[in-house]
Amino acid sequence: MCATMTGQWGTSFSRGTILSIFLMTVTLAGCETTHSFPMTPGALQSIDPRDLQQGGARVPAREWVTRVQPRLDDTLPESSRHALTTAALTGRDGKIVDVCSRFGLWGRNVDSMVFNYPGLKMTAQAVPAEELSASDSEWAGYECIDIPTDDEITICARVAPPTGTDLGRSYVIITHGLFNKQAGIDQVNTASALRAFGHHVVAIDMRGHGKTRDKHPDAPITFGMDEGRDLIAVSRYLQERMGAKRVGLLCFSFSGFEALNAAWIDGDSCACQVRQSALWRCQPKPGARPAFDGGILAISPAINLISLADQMETDFGYWGSPMRYTIQGRIRNRLRERGEPESHRMWAFIESELRRSKWMDSYTSYDELLSDTIHLMDFSAGGSDWKQGADRMEKVRVPLVVLQAADDPLPGSAQAVAEVFGRVSNPNCGTIMIRRGGHTGFAALSAPYYYSLMKAFFDPNTGPAGAINEAVANVK
């Protein structure tokens, strides 16, 4: 008989279990570097374009995910099959599904090595360390260019042509997450796969990150106030200056949240009138041609930023909450680099960035600026009404697919996706909710699945971009 230890919730742990937990923590500590998950052509699951038509026309994104996901199930580990797609995010009772309960996960403990080791491990393997340098040798064959934005900064980008059969001047912009950049072998693998699929690739460093930060050290992160406009500016540059026939966007985590707002603003001519203030007046009006007519694939978009910032009022330890501990470490590093008082608080970092932004001169006080910023960041009306975020997504006029894991170790992130997209009826918006994958760790979960989905989405022959429904947008 094994001796057991009973925890505060009455859970019994055998000595073998305790040893396993110890070994998992040691293993995870050894996994905190990016691993390589390249695309292998022979492992891809092909999609027949005829399966994606209805009445002779291409199905839009909401229907597209229901047809594509079952055809890719076999490329996933058995425990992660049978994903939820958009319509299934709402239960028979009309309420939004509790996704962690639906998949048998401990929702309150997703940032715990004990309860969510697989999600944390896949996250650690996919996300590059902040200090990782962007080696030019990794990006051989790419040209570095500067893309102008609507203000004084330029976005640094690496651009390369397709290595496979050219799909007809199809461009895909690749972004990254908060505190990250275009560095690490997994970023290169993703770019290489898209090139092999026939796309021109534009890998960008967002403002406040990577080479863009190096070139413009005084241009801070503005938490969506500038970044959505930047993404639209990059797309328009590709369309007008580089002859792009289609522009797609592949975005991750924090930039996924920014991309969702960009998709809303590019589809709603009234977005600039939400508030009578400097921030909202400067939002670009939708053009006749959508910015992202090649579609947007958002991987683990962090759309519960307000909640996450509130959570980080607590100073987390590595063993209790490794994901939030890591983010707080990067916050400390950023503040320390600028000689500011050290803090673990996300709100302190947000204040530091906003106070040194150009926006500060347009407001009478920091509180007024913060109020406008929060209104843009917040998809949930202060946590009380996710319909606010859903209403934005109703205006999206291009194919938008969100790929999210229920075991995302950013607490509340998976449920936030369900709360928003479970309320969206726009046929241009589709969601795939998988049991495993961590935070942006889908290549670690299954490289064949990750690349097969990406290939099918951005390919003009199989992607939902052939079924853009602009009737839902308010474009004048």
Protein backbone atom coordinates (compact mmCIF):
# COMPACT_ATOMS: atom_id res chain seq x y z
CA MET A 1 0.00 0.00 0.00
CA CYS A 2 1.31 3.43 -0.93
CA ALA A 3 1.43 6.11 1.71
CA THR A 4 -0.63 9.17 0.79
CA MET A 5 -0.71 12.86 1.64
CA THR A 6 -4.03 14.70 1.83
CA GLY A 7 -4.11 18.29 0.59
CA GLN A 8 -6.31 21.13 1.83
CA TRP A 9 -9.11 20.15 -0.60
CA GLY A 10 -9.10 16.56 0.53
CA THR A 11 -7.22 15.40 -2.56
CA SER A 12 -4.98 12.41 -1.93
CA PHE A 13 -1.49 12.31 -3.41
CA SER A 14 0.61 9.16 -3.36
CA ARG A 15 4.37 9.34 -3.03
CA GLY A 16 4.54 8.34 -6.67
CA THR A 17 2.33 11.31 -7.58
CA ILE A 18 4.46 13.70 -5.55
CA LEU A 19 7.58 12.36 -7.29
CA SER A 20 5.88 12.82 -10.67
CA ILE A 21 5.04 16.43 -9.82
CA PHE A 22 8.68 17.05 -8.85
CA LEU A 23 9.90 15.52 -12.10
CA MET A 24 7.41 17.62 -14.08
CA THR A 25 8.70 20.83 -12.53
CA VAL A 26 12.28 19.86 -13.35
CA THR A 27 11.26 18.92 -16.90
CA LEU A 28 9.38 22.18 -17.40
CA ALA A 29 12.37 24.15 -16.23
CA GLY A 30 14.32 22.43 -19.00
CA CYS A 31 11.65 23.26 -21.58
CA GLU A 32 11.80 27.05 -21.24
CA THR A 33 13.51 27.45 -24.56
CA THR A 34 11.90 27.40 -27.95
CA HIS A 35 11.86 23.97 -29.56
CA SER A 36 11.77 23.32 -33.28
CA PHE A 37 8.54 22.08 -34.83
CA PRO A 38 9.08 22.39 -38.59
CA MET A 39 6.53 21.74 -41.28
CA THR A 40 6.85 18.31 -42.91
CA PRO A 41 5.03 18.27 -46.27
CA GLY A 42 4.26 14.55 -46.13
CA ALA A 43 2.53 14.92 -42.75
CA LEU A 44 0.04 17.56 -43.92
CA GLN A 45 -3.65 16.76 -44.25
CA SER A 46 -5.00 18.08 -47.54
CA ILE A 47 -8.48 19.60 -47.84
CA ASP A 48 -10.60 19.09 -50.96
CA PRO A 49 -11.93 22.51 -52.07
CA ARG A 50 -15.19 20.84 -53.11
CA ASP A 51 -15.86 20.05 -49.45
CA LEU A 52 -15.84 23.77 -48.69
CA GLN A 53 -18.58 24.82 -51.07
CA GLN A 54 -22.28 25.22 -50.66
CA GLY A 55 -24.54 25.95 -53.62
CA GLY A 56 -21.48 26.44 -55.79
CA ALA A 57 -20.07 29.17 -53.51
CA ARG A 58 -17.31 29.04 -50.88
CA VAL A 59 -18.54 28.78 -47.32
CA PRO A 60 -17.67 31.68 -44.95
CA ALA A 61 -15.44 31.32 -41.90
CA ARG A 62 -18.14 30.28 -39.40
CA GLU A 63 -19.16 27.33 -41.57
CA TRP A 64 -15.58 26.77 -42.76
CA VAL A 65 -14.34 25.76 -39.29
CA THR A 66 -17.13 23.20 -38.90
CA ARG A 67 -16.06 21.51 -42.15
CA VAL A 68 -12.28 21.78 -41.84
CA GLN A 69 -11.79 20.83 -38.19
CA PRO A 70 -13.23 17.27 -38.46
CA ARG A 71 -11.02 16.65 -41.50
CA LEU A 72 -7.95 17.56 -39.44
CA ASP A 73 -8.91 15.60 -36.31
CA ASP A 74 -6.67 12.67 -37.17
CA THR A 75 -3.60 14.92 -37.06
CA LEU A 76 -4.26 15.70 -33.38
CA PRO A 77 -3.48 13.54 -30.34
CA GLU A 78 -6.56 11.54 -29.42
CA SER A 79 -7.13 13.53 -26.22
CA SER A 80 -7.41 16.78 -28.20
CA ARG A 81 -9.84 15.67 -30.88
CA HIS A 82 -13.49 16.68 -31.13
CA ALA A 83 -12.92 20.42 -30.74
CA LEU A 84 -15.70 22.92 -30.16
CA THR A 85 -16.44 25.20 -33.09
CA THR A 86 -18.32 28.49 -32.99
CA ALA A 87 -21.93 27.33 -32.65
CA ALA A 88 -20.99 24.77 -29.97
CA LEU A 89 -19.68 27.53 -27.68
CA THR A 90 -23.31 28.09 -26.71
CA GLY A 91 -25.07 25.27 -24.88
CA ARG A 92 -28.60 23.99 -25.40
CA ASP A 93 -29.72 26.23 -22.54
CA GLY A 94 -28.56 29.28 -24.47
CA LYS A 95 -25.68 29.93 -22.05
CA ILE A 96 -22.02 30.13 -23.00
CA VAL A 97 -20.23 26.84 -22.33
CA ASP A 98 -17.71 26.63 -19.49
CA VAL A 99 -14.89 25.41 -21.72
CA CYS A 100 -12.63 24.03 -18.99
CA SER A 101 -15.47 22.00 -17.49
CA ARG A 102 -16.47 20.86 -20.97
CA PHE A 103 -12.99 19.44 -21.53
CA GLY A 104 -12.50 18.12 -18.00
CA LEU A 105 -9.87 20.69 -16.98
CA TRP A 106 -9.27 22.55 -13.73
CA GLY A 107 -10.26 26.04 -14.86
CA ARG A 108 -9.01 27.80 -11.72
CA ASN A 109 -5.64 26.10 -11.97
CA VAL A 110 -4.62 26.47 -15.64
CA ASP A 111 -1.44 28.30 -14.58
CA SER A 112 -0.37 25.45 -12.31
CA MET A 113 2.32 22.87 -13.04
CA VAL A 114 0.37 20.37 -10.97
CA PHE A 115 -2.93 20.73 -12.82
CA ASN A 116 -1.84 21.92 -16.28
CA TYR A 117 1.66 20.67 -16.95
CA PRO A 118 0.94 19.86 -20.65
CA GLY A 119 -0.37 23.36 -21.38
CA LEU A 120 2.58 25.04 -19.69
CA LYS A 121 5.08 22.78 -21.40
CA MET A 122 3.69 23.45 -24.88
CA THR A 123 3.62 27.17 -24.14
CA ALA A 124 7.24 27.16 -23.00
CA GLN A 125 8.32 25.27 -26.10
CA ALA A 126 6.60 27.66 -28.50
CA VAL A 127 7.27 31.11 -26.99
CA PRO A 128 10.78 32.54 -27.42
CA ALA A 129 12.62 34.01 -24.46
CA GLU A 130 12.66 37.82 -24.42
CA GLU A 131 16.45 37.93 -24.43
CA LEU A 132 16.68 35.65 -27.49
CA SER A 133 18.46 37.49 -30.28
CA ALA A 134 17.12 37.61 -33.79
CA SER A 135 19.98 36.04 -35.73
CA ASP A 136 20.32 37.23 -39.31
CA SER A 137 21.50 33.73 -40.23
CA GLU A 138 18.11 32.35 -39.15
CA TRP A 139 16.44 34.73 -41.57
CA ALA A 140 18.69 34.14 -44.58
CA GLY A 141 16.86 35.05 -47.78
CA TYR A 142 14.78 37.78 -46.12
CA GLU A 143 15.08 41.47 -46.92
CA CYS A 144 14.81 43.95 -44.05
CA ILE A 145 12.53 46.88 -44.83
CA ASP A 146 10.97 49.76 -42.88
CA ILE A 147 7.23 50.23 -43.32
CA PRO A 148 5.84 53.69 -42.51
CA THR A 149 2.91 54.11 -40.12
CA ASP A 150 0.53 57.01 -39.50
CA ASP A 151 2.94 58.66 -37.08
CA GLU A 152 6.68 59.17 -36.75
CA ILE A 153 7.79 55.55 -36.48
CA THR A 154 8.40 52.80 -39.00
CA ILE A 155 7.71 49.10 -38.48
CA CYS A 156 10.74 46.90 -39.07
CA ALA A 157 9.92 43.88 -41.20
CA ARG A 158 11.60 40.92 -42.83
CA VAL A 159 10.18 40.14 -46.24
CA ALA A 160 10.76 37.08 -48.44
CA PRO A 161 9.14 35.62 -51.56
CA PRO A 162 7.53 32.16 -51.73
CA THR A 163 9.70 29.09 -52.11
CA GLY A 164 6.73 27.02 -53.33
CA THR A 165 4.42 27.74 -56.24
CA ASP A 166 3.47 31.41 -56.10
CA LEU A 167 -0.22 31.77 -55.25
CA GLY A 168 -0.51 35.04 -57.14
CA ARG A 169 1.11 37.73 -54.97
CA SER A 170 -0.51 36.51 -51.77
CA TYR A 171 1.14 38.12 -48.71
CA VAL A 172 0.89 37.00 -45.10
CA ILE A 173 1.93 39.27 -42.23
CA ILE A 174 3.28 37.45 -39.15
CA THR A 175 3.26 39.11 -35.73
CA HIS A 176 4.30 37.95 -32.23
CA GLY A 177 3.20 38.20 -28.60
CA LEU A 178 3.80 40.75 -25.84
CA PHE A 179 7.52 41.24 -25.04
CA ASN A 180 8.46 38.95 -27.93
CA LYS A 181 9.81 39.59 -31.44
CA GLN A 182 10.65 37.83 -34.67
CA ALA A 183 13.25 35.56 -33.11
CA GLY A 184 13.58 31.88 -32.41
CA ILE A 185 13.40 28.83 -34.62
CA ASP A 186 9.63 28.39 -34.22
CA GLN A 187 8.99 31.83 -35.74
CA VAL A 188 11.32 30.94 -38.61
CA ASN A 189 9.58 27.57 -39.06
CA THR A 190 6.20 29.29 -39.38
CA ALA A 191 7.52 31.79 -41.91
CA SER A 192 9.26 29.03 -43.89
CA ALA A 193 6.05 26.99 -44.02
CA LEU A 194 4.05 29.90 -45.38
CA ARG A 195 6.69 30.53 -48.03
CA ALA A 196 6.57 26.86 -49.00
CA PHE A 197 2.78 27.16 -49.28
CA GLY A 198 3.24 29.88 -51.91
CA HIS A 199 2.96 33.12 -49.94
CA HIS A 200 5.16 36.16 -49.66
CA VAL A 201 5.97 36.50 -45.95
CA VAL A 202 6.23 39.77 -44.00
CA ALA A 203 7.46 39.11 -40.44
CA ILE A 204 7.13 42.30 -38.40
CA ASP A 205 8.30 43.54 -35.02
CA MET A 206 5.48 45.55 -33.45
CA ARG A 207 6.20 48.93 -31.87
CA GLY A 208 7.97 48.52 -28.54
CA HIS A 209 9.43 45.18 -29.66
CA GLY A 210 12.48 43.79 -31.43
CA LYS A 211 14.15 45.79 -34.17
CA THR A 212 11.32 48.34 -34.20
CA ARG A 213 12.06 49.05 -30.54
CA ASP A 214 15.78 49.22 -31.26
CA LYS A 215 15.17 51.83 -33.97
CA HIS A 216 12.51 53.77 -32.05
CA PRO A 217 13.31 53.30 -28.33
CA ASP A 218 11.09 56.21 -27.35
CA ALA A 219 7.99 54.74 -29.04
CA PRO A 220 6.24 52.75 -26.30
CA ILE A 221 3.74 49.92 -26.37
CA THR A 222 0.30 51.57 -26.35
CA PHE A 223 -1.92 48.51 -25.78
CA GLY A 224 -3.92 48.85 -28.96
CA MET A 225 -4.07 52.62 -29.27
CA ASP A 226 -1.51 52.54 -32.09
CA GLU A 227 -0.95 48.87 -32.86
CA GLY A 228 -4.22 48.21 -34.69
CA ARG A 229 -3.57 51.22 -36.91
CA ASP A 230 -0.03 49.94 -37.47
CA LEU A 231 -1.33 46.60 -38.74
CA ILE A 232 -3.69 48.35 -41.15
CA ALA A 233 -0.84 50.63 -42.29
CA VAL A 234 1.38 47.62 -43.01
CA SER A 235 -1.38 46.00 -45.06
CA ARG A 236 -2.04 49.14 -47.08
CA TYR A 237 1.68 49.50 -47.75
CA LEU A 238 1.77 45.97 -49.14
CA GLN A 239 -1.31 46.59 -51.26
CA GLU A 240 -0.24 49.95 -52.63
CA ARG A 241 3.55 49.73 -52.77
CA MET A 242 4.32 46.04 -53.22
CA GLY A 243 1.43 44.95 -55.43
CA ALA A 244 -0.12 42.50 -52.99
CA LYS A 245 -3.26 40.91 -54.43
CA ARG A 246 -4.26 39.45 -51.07
CA VAL A 247 -3.02 40.25 -47.56
CA GLY A 248 -3.50 37.79 -44.72
CA LEU A 249 -2.57 38.20 -41.06
CA LEU A 250 -1.23 35.52 -38.72
CA CYS A 251 -1.18 36.85 -35.18
CA PHE A 252 -0.47 35.55 -31.71
CA SER A 253 -1.54 36.35 -28.14
CA PHE A 254 -1.36 40.10 -27.43
CA SER A 255 -1.12 41.00 -31.11
CA GLY A 256 -4.14 38.75 -31.64
CA PHE A 257 -6.18 41.07 -29.43
CA GLU A 258 -4.83 44.03 -31.44
CA ALA A 259 -5.72 42.29 -34.70
CA LEU A 260 -9.32 41.74 -33.58
CA ASN A 261 -9.67 45.45 -32.92
CA ALA A 262 -8.03 46.23 -36.27
CA ALA A 263 -10.53 43.93 -38.02
CA TRP A 264 -13.39 45.73 -36.27
CA ILE A 265 -12.09 49.23 -37.09
CA ASP A 266 -11.46 48.22 -40.72
CA GLY A 267 -15.08 47.09 -41.02
CA ASP A 268 -16.96 49.78 -39.14
CA SER A 269 -16.90 53.36 -40.36
CA CYS A 270 -18.50 54.45 -37.08
CA ALA A 271 -15.64 53.09 -34.90
CA CYS A 272 -13.94 56.49 -34.93
CA GLN A 273 -17.09 57.99 -33.36
CA VAL A 274 -17.28 55.66 -30.33
CA ARG A 275 -15.96 58.49 -28.16
CA GLN A 276 -15.27 62.14 -28.89
CA SER A 277 -11.59 62.03 -28.06
CA ALA A 278 -8.19 62.11 -29.72
CA LEU A 279 -7.77 58.34 -29.69
CA TRP A 280 -11.03 57.54 -31.41
CA ARG A 281 -10.96 60.41 -33.91
CA CYS A 282 -7.64 59.19 -35.32
CA GLN A 283 -8.82 55.64 -36.08
CA PRO A 284 -8.61 54.98 -39.84
CA LYS A 285 -11.79 54.80 -41.87
CA PRO A 286 -12.35 51.53 -43.72
CA GLY A 287 -11.10 51.56 -47.29
CA ALA A 288 -13.00 50.21 -50.27
CA ARG A 289 -10.65 47.23 -50.13
CA PRO A 290 -10.42 45.44 -46.78
CA ALA A 291 -7.01 45.57 -45.15
CA PHE A 292 -6.90 41.80 -44.59
CA ASP A 293 -8.71 40.35 -47.58
CA GLY A 294 -6.58 37.21 -47.25
CA GLY A 295 -8.12 36.56 -43.82
CA ILE A 296 -6.97 36.75 -40.20
CA LEU A 297 -5.87 33.66 -38.26
CA ALA A 298 -5.61 34.63 -34.58
CA ILE A 299 -3.77 32.17 -32.34
CA SER A 300 -4.62 32.40 -28.60
CA PRO A 301 -5.70 36.08 -28.71
CA ALA A 302 -5.45 37.65 -25.24
CA ILE A 303 -8.78 39.46 -25.22
CA ASN A 304 -9.15 39.50 -21.42
CA LEU A 305 -6.30 41.97 -20.86
CA ILE A 306 -8.19 43.93 -18.20
CA SER A 307 -8.70 40.80 -16.13
CA LEU A 308 -5.09 39.71 -16.61
CA ALA A 309 -3.81 43.11 -15.49
CA ASP A 310 -6.04 42.93 -12.41
CA GLN A 311 -4.74 39.43 -11.62
CA MET A 312 -1.18 40.73 -11.68
CA GLU A 313 -1.78 43.02 -8.75
CA THR A 314 -0.62 39.86 -6.93
CA ASP A 315 3.11 39.13 -7.07
CA PHE A 316 3.23 35.53 -8.28
CA GLY A 317 5.94 32.97 -7.62
CA TYR A 318 7.34 30.55 -10.18
CA TRP A 319 6.08 27.40 -8.51
CA GLY A 320 2.58 28.70 -7.96
CA SER A 321 1.97 30.44 -11.28
CA PRO A 322 4.82 30.14 -13.79
CA MET A 323 3.06 31.92 -16.68
CA ARG A 324 2.17 35.04 -14.73
CA TYR A 325 5.51 34.93 -12.91
CA THR A 326 7.28 35.00 -16.27
CA ILE A 327 5.24 37.95 -17.53
CA GLN A 328 5.89 39.84 -14.30
CA GLY A 329 9.60 39.16 -14.70
CA ARG A 330 9.50 40.79 -18.11
CA ILE A 331 7.59 43.75 -16.69
CA ARG A 332 10.29 44.17 -14.05
CA ASN A 333 13.00 43.99 -16.73
CA ARG A 334 11.34 46.67 -18.88
CA LEU A 335 10.90 49.06 -15.95
CA ARG A 336 14.44 48.41 -14.72
CA GLU A 337 15.88 49.14 -18.17
CA ARG A 338 14.34 52.61 -18.04
CA GLY A 339 15.50 53.31 -14.51
CA GLU A 340 11.95 53.35 -13.15
CA PRO A 341 10.80 51.92 -9.81
CA GLU A 342 10.63 48.16 -10.02
CA SER A 343 7.16 46.66 -9.98
CA HIS A 344 5.46 43.38 -10.78
CA ARG A 345 2.17 45.14 -11.62
CA MET A 346 0.84 45.18 -15.18
CA TRP A 347 -1.05 48.40 -14.43
CA ALA A 348 2.21 50.06 -13.38
CA PHE A 349 3.80 49.02 -16.67
CA ILE A 350 0.79 50.27 -18.64
CA GLU A 351 1.02 53.63 -16.87
CA SER A 352 4.75 53.86 -17.56
CA GLU A 353 4.21 53.22 -21.28
CA LEU A 354 1.20 55.50 -21.71
CA ARG A 355 2.76 58.43 -19.85
CA ARG A 356 5.67 58.50 -22.27
CA SER A 357 3.45 58.09 -25.35
CA LYS A 358 2.51 60.90 -27.71
CA TRP A 359 -1.08 60.51 -26.52
CA MET A 360 -0.33 62.07 -23.14
CA ASP A 361 -0.25 65.54 -24.74
CA SER A 362 -3.79 65.08 -26.10
CA TYR A 363 -5.39 64.50 -22.70
CA THR A 364 -5.76 66.71 -19.65
CA SER A 365 -4.77 63.92 -17.26
CA TYR A 366 -3.43 60.38 -17.17
CA ASP A 367 -6.76 59.14 -15.80
CA GLU A 368 -8.53 60.50 -18.88
CA LEU A 369 -6.02 58.80 -21.17
CA LEU A 370 -6.31 55.53 -19.24
CA SER A 371 -10.10 55.62 -19.49
CA ASP A 372 -9.92 55.80 -23.29
CA THR A 373 -7.27 53.07 -23.42
CA ILE A 374 -9.33 50.75 -21.24
CA HIS A 375 -12.40 51.33 -23.40
CA LEU A 376 -10.41 50.17 -26.43
CA MET A 377 -8.81 47.22 -24.60
CA ASP A 378 -11.99 46.02 -22.93
CA PHE A 379 -14.11 43.43 -24.74
CA SER A 380 -16.32 42.84 -21.71
CA ALA A 381 -17.69 46.23 -20.55
CA GLY A 382 -15.81 45.97 -17.29
CA GLY A 383 -16.38 42.24 -17.02
CA SER A 384 -20.16 42.55 -16.93
CA ASP A 385 -21.15 42.26 -20.59
CA TRP A 386 -19.18 40.37 -23.23
CA LYS A 387 -21.69 41.54 -25.82
CA GLN A 388 -19.53 44.68 -26.17
CA GLY A 389 -16.76 42.58 -27.71
CA ALA A 390 -19.24 40.50 -29.71
CA ASP A 391 -20.76 43.66 -31.20
CA ARG A 392 -17.33 44.67 -32.48
CA MET A 393 -16.88 41.31 -34.15
CA GLU A 394 -20.25 41.63 -35.88
CA LYS A 395 -18.64 44.39 -37.97
CA VAL A 396 -15.72 42.29 -39.23
CA ARG A 397 -15.88 42.03 -43.02
CA VAL A 398 -13.04 39.56 -43.66
CA PRO A 399 -12.61 35.89 -42.69
CA LEU A 400 -11.47 35.72 -39.08
CA VAL A 401 -10.70 32.39 -37.40
CA VAL A 402 -9.61 32.13 -33.78
CA LEU A 403 -7.65 29.05 -32.69
CA GLN A 404 -7.76 28.68 -28.92
CA ALA A 405 -6.83 25.99 -26.40
CA ALA A 406 -8.99 25.36 -23.35
CA ASP A 407 -5.83 24.70 -21.31
CA ASP A 408 -4.33 28.12 -22.09
CA PRO A 409 -2.35 28.95 -18.93
CA LEU A 410 -3.32 32.63 -19.09
CA PRO A 411 -6.25 32.37 -16.65
CA GLY A 412 -9.57 33.31 -18.20
CA SER A 413 -8.26 33.62 -21.76
CA ALA A 414 -10.00 30.55 -23.17
CA GLN A 415 -13.30 31.43 -21.50
CA ALA A 416 -13.04 35.00 -22.79
CA VAL A 417 -12.84 33.72 -26.37
CA ALA A 418 -15.94 31.60 -25.75
CA GLU A 419 -17.79 34.51 -24.11
CA VAL A 420 -17.19 36.78 -27.10
CA PHE A 421 -17.45 34.45 -30.08
CA GLY A 422 -20.26 32.40 -28.60
CA ARG A 423 -22.33 35.57 -28.95
CA VAL A 424 -21.24 36.42 -32.51
CA SER A 425 -23.51 35.59 -35.46
CA ASN A 426 -21.31 37.18 -38.14
CA PRO A 427 -20.65 34.49 -40.79
CA ASN A 428 -17.15 35.92 -41.28
CA CYS A 429 -16.08 34.84 -37.76
CA GLY A 430 -15.20 31.27 -36.79
CA THR A 431 -13.66 29.72 -33.69
CA ILE A 432 -11.90 26.42 -32.97
CA MET A 433 -11.55 25.52 -29.29
CA ILE A 434 -9.24 22.55 -28.66
CA ARG A 435 -8.64 20.84 -25.34
CA ARG A 436 -4.84 21.14 -25.45
CA GLY A 437 -2.35 23.57 -27.00
CA GLY A 438 -1.40 25.88 -24.15
CA HIS A 439 -0.84 29.52 -25.07
CA THR A 440 0.15 29.61 -28.76
CA GLY A 441 1.67 26.13 -28.37
CA PHE A 442 -0.20 24.36 -31.18
CA ALA A 443 2.95 23.50 -33.14
CA ALA A 444 4.14 21.65 -30.03
CA LEU A 445 0.79 19.89 -29.72
CA SER A 446 0.79 18.74 -33.35
CA ALA A 447 2.86 20.31 -36.10
CA PRO A 448 0.85 18.48 -38.82
CA TYR A 449 -2.39 19.98 -37.46
CA TYR A 450 -0.98 23.48 -37.00
CA TYR A 451 0.47 23.70 -40.51
CA SER A 452 -2.45 21.92 -42.20
CA LEU A 453 -4.89 24.43 -40.72
CA MET A 454 -2.64 27.34 -41.69
CA LYS A 455 -2.22 26.05 -45.23
CA ALA A 456 -5.95 25.52 -45.71
CA PHE A 457 -6.87 28.91 -44.26
CA PHE A 458 -4.56 31.13 -46.30
CA ASP A 459 -4.74 29.18 -49.57
CA PRO A 460 -7.11 31.00 -51.98
CA ASN A 461 -8.38 27.62 -53.21
CA THR A 462 -9.45 26.34 -49.78
CA GLY A 463 -9.58 29.33 -47.44
CA PRO A 464 -12.73 31.22 -46.46
CA ALA A 465 -11.36 34.43 -48.00
CA GLY A 466 -13.27 33.48 -51.14
CA ALA A 467 -16.52 33.98 -49.21
CA ILE A 468 -16.10 37.45 -47.70
CA ASN A 469 -19.48 38.69 -46.56
CA GLU A 470 -19.25 42.48 -46.57
CA ALA A 471 -22.97 42.84 -45.99
CA VAL A 472 -22.37 42.63 -42.24
CA ALA A 473 -20.02 45.60 -42.22
CA ASN A 474 -20.93 49.25 -41.87
CA VAL A 475 -18.70 50.62 -44.61
CA LYS A 476 -19.50 53.93 -46.26
